[in-house]
Amino acid sequence: MGAMKGWEWLARGLVLSVLVGLPLSLWAADRVWNGSARWWIAQIPESGGWQPPTLEVQAGEEIRLRVTSADVVHGLSIPGLGISVTVEPGKVREIRLRPERPGRYRAICTVVCSPRHGEMIAELVVRPPGGGPIPEITAAPDGAFLFQTYCAACHGPQGEGKIGPPLNAAGRVPQMDEATLRAIIRQGRPGTAMPAWGDRLSSEEIEALIRFLRELSQEPSRP
């Protein structure tokens, strides 16, 4: 077998073991799981987010993700790679992928699990096979996808409200102007579970999210 690379991602009981460029074998999984590789460890949210915040792989390498939770329900999403899973305590979710497009991809927890849930954001860097600069991914942001990835855990899949208030026609969005919505998304709301997204979402993503919220707030509320 070739050189082994592996990472473990630990956050409030969430563990992500990443096998890069390896056959899907129990031997390889055991080697990585038992410590024959370097670790990628994220601190619990109360201690300030991910340390270190970045994992690097090479485009075209096969990656297997083994995700477990030791305490509460978590969610793992890497939107740019089409990954979104729910992880229940004591169970293992396995995901196999081969990222071909170099770039920077966010990895986030999509299930509210602590007051600092919004800080559980890391970055997966996919480098070009021959080296060189990492290109920016310039695809137009999808407001609906952004909502499901970053907002639905608190506000409900249809904006009906859960931990956070409703964002559909029954909520306050129809009465808010765009400047107010933009400020809330960027800065959060102190004293509530609403985190600040200004340093995590680009201006284009925030504008796409606002457009989607406008559409959502104009639809009839679903029973």
Protein backbone atom coordinates (compact mmCIF):
# COMPACT_ATOMS: atom_id res chain seq x y z
CA MET A 1 0.00 0.00 0.00
CA GLY A 2 1.13 3.57 -0.60
CA ALA A 3 1.92 6.29 1.87
CA MET A 4 -0.80 6.74 4.44
CA LYS A 5 -2.44 10.00 5.35
CA GLY A 6 -5.19 10.38 7.91
CA TRP A 7 -6.96 12.92 10.04
CA GLU A 8 -9.34 12.77 12.95
CA TRP A 9 -11.76 15.61 13.55
CA LEU A 10 -13.06 15.89 17.12
CA ALA A 11 -15.65 18.46 18.12
CA ARG A 12 -17.95 17.97 21.08
CA GLY A 13 -17.91 14.24 20.42
CA LEU A 14 -17.93 14.48 16.62
CA VAL A 15 -15.11 12.42 15.07
CA LEU A 16 -14.18 12.52 11.40
CA SER A 17 -11.53 10.02 10.29
CA VAL A 18 -10.30 10.79 6.77
CA LEU A 19 -8.46 8.20 4.69
CA VAL A 20 -6.73 9.63 1.63
CA GLY A 21 -5.65 7.57 -1.37
CA LEU A 22 -6.28 4.22 0.32
CA PRO A 23 -8.24 1.09 -0.64
CA LEU A 24 -11.39 0.62 1.38
CA SER A 25 -10.04 -2.01 3.74
CA LEU A 26 -10.46 -2.67 7.43
CA TRP A 27 -6.69 -2.90 7.76
CA ALA A 28 -6.26 0.65 6.51
CA ALA A 29 -9.10 1.90 8.68
CA ASP A 30 -7.61 0.23 11.75
CA ARG A 31 -4.16 1.65 11.07
CA VAL A 32 -5.49 5.19 10.85
CA TRP A 33 -7.92 4.76 13.72
CA ASN A 34 -5.17 3.45 16.00
CA GLY A 35 -2.94 6.45 15.42
CA SER A 36 -0.56 5.53 12.56
CA ALA A 37 -1.15 8.93 10.97
CA ARG A 38 -1.23 12.57 11.93
CA TRP A 39 -4.40 13.96 13.48
CA TRP A 40 -6.67 16.81 12.53
CA ILE A 41 -8.41 17.79 15.78
CA ALA A 42 -11.09 20.41 16.31
CA GLN A 43 -11.67 21.72 19.81
CA ILE A 44 -15.10 21.71 21.40
CA PRO A 45 -17.12 24.84 20.53
CA GLU A 46 -16.78 26.32 24.04
CA SER A 47 -13.00 26.54 23.56
CA GLY A 48 -13.17 28.54 20.37
CA GLY A 49 -13.76 26.57 17.20
CA TRP A 50 -11.54 24.38 15.03
CA GLN A 51 -7.82 23.90 15.72
CA PRO A 52 -6.33 23.67 13.15
CA PRO A 53 -9.06 25.01 10.85
CA THR A 54 -7.82 23.49 7.57
CA LEU A 55 -7.39 20.05 6.02
CA GLU A 56 -5.50 19.74 2.71
CA VAL A 57 -5.81 16.98 0.10
CA GLN A 58 -4.87 16.70 -3.57
CA ALA A 59 -7.37 16.78 -6.42
CA GLY A 60 -8.11 13.29 -7.73
CA GLU A 61 -7.25 11.51 -4.49
CA GLU A 62 -9.84 9.16 -3.09
CA ILE A 63 -11.12 10.11 0.35
CA ARG A 64 -13.23 8.07 2.72
CA LEU A 65 -14.92 9.88 5.60
CA ARG A 66 -15.90 7.91 8.70
CA VAL A 67 -17.97 10.16 10.96
CA THR A 68 -19.16 9.27 14.46
CA SER A 69 -20.67 11.13 17.41
CA ALA A 70 -20.05 10.30 21.04
CA ASP A 71 -22.60 12.64 22.59
CA VAL A 72 -25.41 14.35 20.65
CA VAL A 73 -26.74 14.48 17.10
CA HIS A 74 -24.43 16.37 14.74
CA GLY A 75 -24.53 17.19 11.06
CA LEU A 76 -21.63 17.27 8.61
CA SER A 77 -21.94 19.27 5.41
CA ILE A 78 -19.40 20.21 2.75
CA PRO A 79 -21.71 22.13 0.39
CA GLY A 80 -19.32 22.50 -2.52
CA LEU A 81 -18.84 18.73 -2.67
CA GLY A 82 -22.49 17.78 -2.22
CA ILE A 83 -21.98 16.22 1.22
CA SER A 84 -24.67 16.54 3.88
CA VAL A 85 -25.23 13.84 6.51
CA THR A 86 -26.76 13.57 9.97
CA VAL A 87 -24.66 11.74 12.54
CA GLU A 88 -26.41 10.05 15.46
CA PRO A 89 -24.60 9.17 18.71
CA GLY A 90 -22.88 5.80 18.62
CA LYS A 91 -23.34 5.29 14.88
CA VAL A 92 -20.82 5.56 12.05
CA ARG A 93 -21.54 7.27 8.73
CA GLU A 94 -19.16 6.52 5.86
CA ILE A 95 -18.80 8.72 2.79
CA ARG A 96 -16.57 8.06 -0.19
CA LEU A 97 -15.56 10.83 -2.59
CA ARG A 98 -12.88 11.89 -5.02
CA PRO A 99 -12.74 15.71 -5.29
CA GLU A 100 -11.57 16.57 -8.80
CA ARG A 101 -11.94 20.34 -8.72
CA PRO A 102 -9.21 22.26 -6.85
CA GLY A 103 -10.47 24.94 -4.51
CA ARG A 104 -11.49 25.74 -0.95
CA TYR A 105 -14.59 24.08 0.50
CA ARG A 106 -16.30 24.81 3.82
CA ALA A 107 -17.03 21.96 6.22
CA ILE A 108 -19.71 22.79 8.78
CA CYS A 109 -21.92 21.26 11.45
CA THR A 110 -25.56 21.66 10.42
CA VAL A 111 -27.28 20.55 13.63
CA VAL A 112 -27.38 22.99 16.54
CA CYS A 113 -25.40 21.37 19.35
CA SER A 114 -24.15 24.23 21.55
CA PRO A 115 -24.40 28.02 21.96
CA ARG A 116 -21.32 28.31 19.71
CA HIS A 117 -22.61 25.99 17.02
CA GLY A 118 -22.08 28.73 14.43
CA GLU A 119 -18.32 28.59 14.99
CA MET A 120 -18.05 24.94 13.96
CA ILE A 121 -16.74 25.72 10.49
CA ALA A 122 -13.55 24.36 8.96
CA GLU A 123 -12.03 24.34 5.48
CA LEU A 124 -11.13 21.51 3.13
CA VAL A 125 -8.45 22.64 0.66
CA VAL A 126 -8.18 20.62 -2.56
CA ARG A 127 -4.84 21.37 -4.22
CA PRO A 128 -4.07 20.99 -7.95
CA PRO A 129 -2.21 17.71 -8.69
CA GLY A 130 0.82 19.53 -10.11
CA GLY A 131 0.96 22.21 -7.44
CA GLY A 132 0.43 25.89 -8.08
CA PRO A 133 -2.14 28.36 -6.74
CA ILE A 134 -5.52 27.20 -5.50
CA PRO A 135 -8.23 28.62 -7.78
CA GLU A 136 -11.25 30.45 -6.46
CA ILE A 137 -14.57 28.68 -7.01
CA THR A 138 -16.77 31.23 -8.74
CA ALA A 139 -20.04 29.38 -9.35
CA ALA A 140 -23.10 31.51 -8.61
CA PRO A 141 -24.31 30.81 -5.06
CA ASP A 142 -27.61 28.96 -4.66
CA GLY A 143 -29.77 30.67 -2.03
CA ALA A 144 -31.95 27.61 -1.41
CA PHE A 145 -28.90 25.40 -0.89
CA LEU A 146 -27.32 27.98 1.42
CA PHE A 147 -30.51 28.13 3.47
CA GLN A 148 -30.70 24.35 3.88
CA THR A 149 -27.01 24.21 4.77
CA TYR A 150 -26.70 27.11 7.20
CA CYS A 151 -30.20 28.09 8.35
CA ALA A 152 -32.61 25.14 8.28
CA ALA A 153 -31.24 23.52 11.45
CA CYS A 154 -32.52 26.48 13.51
CA HIS A 155 -35.30 27.93 11.35
CA GLY A 156 -36.77 24.73 9.86
CA PRO A 157 -36.47 23.28 6.33
CA GLN A 158 -39.41 25.40 5.13
CA GLY A 159 -38.62 28.40 7.34
CA GLU A 160 -41.40 27.37 9.72
CA GLY A 161 -39.28 28.00 12.82
CA LYS A 162 -37.63 25.64 15.32
CA ILE A 163 -35.01 26.95 17.72
CA GLY A 164 -35.05 30.19 15.77
CA PRO A 165 -38.12 32.19 14.70
CA PRO A 166 -40.06 31.46 11.50
CA LEU A 167 -38.72 33.01 8.30
CA ASN A 168 -41.69 32.19 6.10
CA ALA A 169 -44.81 34.31 5.56
CA ALA A 170 -45.77 33.78 9.21
CA GLY A 171 -42.54 35.38 10.43
CA ARG A 172 -41.09 38.88 10.46
CA VAL A 173 -39.07 38.73 7.25
CA PRO A 174 -41.84 40.30 5.12
CA GLN A 175 -41.64 43.44 7.30
CA MET A 176 -37.83 43.70 7.23
CA ASP A 177 -35.92 45.72 4.66
CA GLU A 178 -32.85 44.26 2.99
CA ALA A 179 -30.44 46.36 5.05
CA THR A 180 -31.86 44.88 8.26
CA LEU A 181 -31.69 41.32 6.91
CA ARG A 182 -28.15 41.89 5.72
CA ALA A 183 -27.07 43.25 9.11
CA ILE A 184 -28.63 40.32 11.00
CA ILE A 185 -26.96 37.75 8.74
CA ARG A 186 -23.59 39.49 8.92
CA GLN A 187 -23.55 40.40 12.61
CA GLY A 188 -25.92 37.92 14.23
CA ARG A 189 -28.17 38.87 17.15
CA PRO A 190 -26.42 39.19 20.53
CA GLY A 191 -28.15 37.35 23.32
CA THR A 192 -29.73 34.81 20.96
CA ALA A 193 -28.59 31.63 19.21
CA MET A 194 -28.26 33.55 15.92
CA PRO A 195 -24.54 33.56 15.00
CA ALA A 196 -22.72 36.13 12.89
CA TRP A 197 -22.08 34.85 9.35
CA GLY A 198 -20.22 37.87 7.99
CA ASP A 199 -16.81 36.22 8.22
CA ARG A 200 -18.07 32.88 6.90
CA LEU A 201 -20.31 33.77 3.96
CA SER A 202 -19.19 35.90 1.04
CA SER A 203 -21.12 39.02 0.03
CA GLU A 204 -22.47 37.12 -2.98
CA GLU A 205 -23.68 34.27 -0.76
CA ILE A 206 -25.38 36.66 1.65
CA GLU A 207 -27.19 38.40 -1.22
CA ALA A 208 -28.29 35.03 -2.64
CA LEU A 209 -29.57 34.06 0.81
CA ILE A 210 -31.53 37.31 1.13
CA ARG A 211 -33.15 36.75 -2.27
CA PHE A 212 -34.19 33.26 -1.20
CA LEU A 213 -35.58 34.54 2.12
CA ARG A 214 -37.68 37.04 0.20
CA GLU A 215 -39.09 34.25 -1.96
CA LEU A 216 -39.67 32.03 1.06
CA SER A 217 -41.49 34.76 2.99
CA GLN A 218 -43.90 35.32 0.10
CA GLU A 219 -44.98 31.68 -0.12
CA PRO A 220 -48.08 30.57 1.82
CA SER A 221 -47.15 28.93 5.12
CA ARG A 222 -47.29 25.15 4.96
CA PRO A 223 -49.26 23.26 7.62
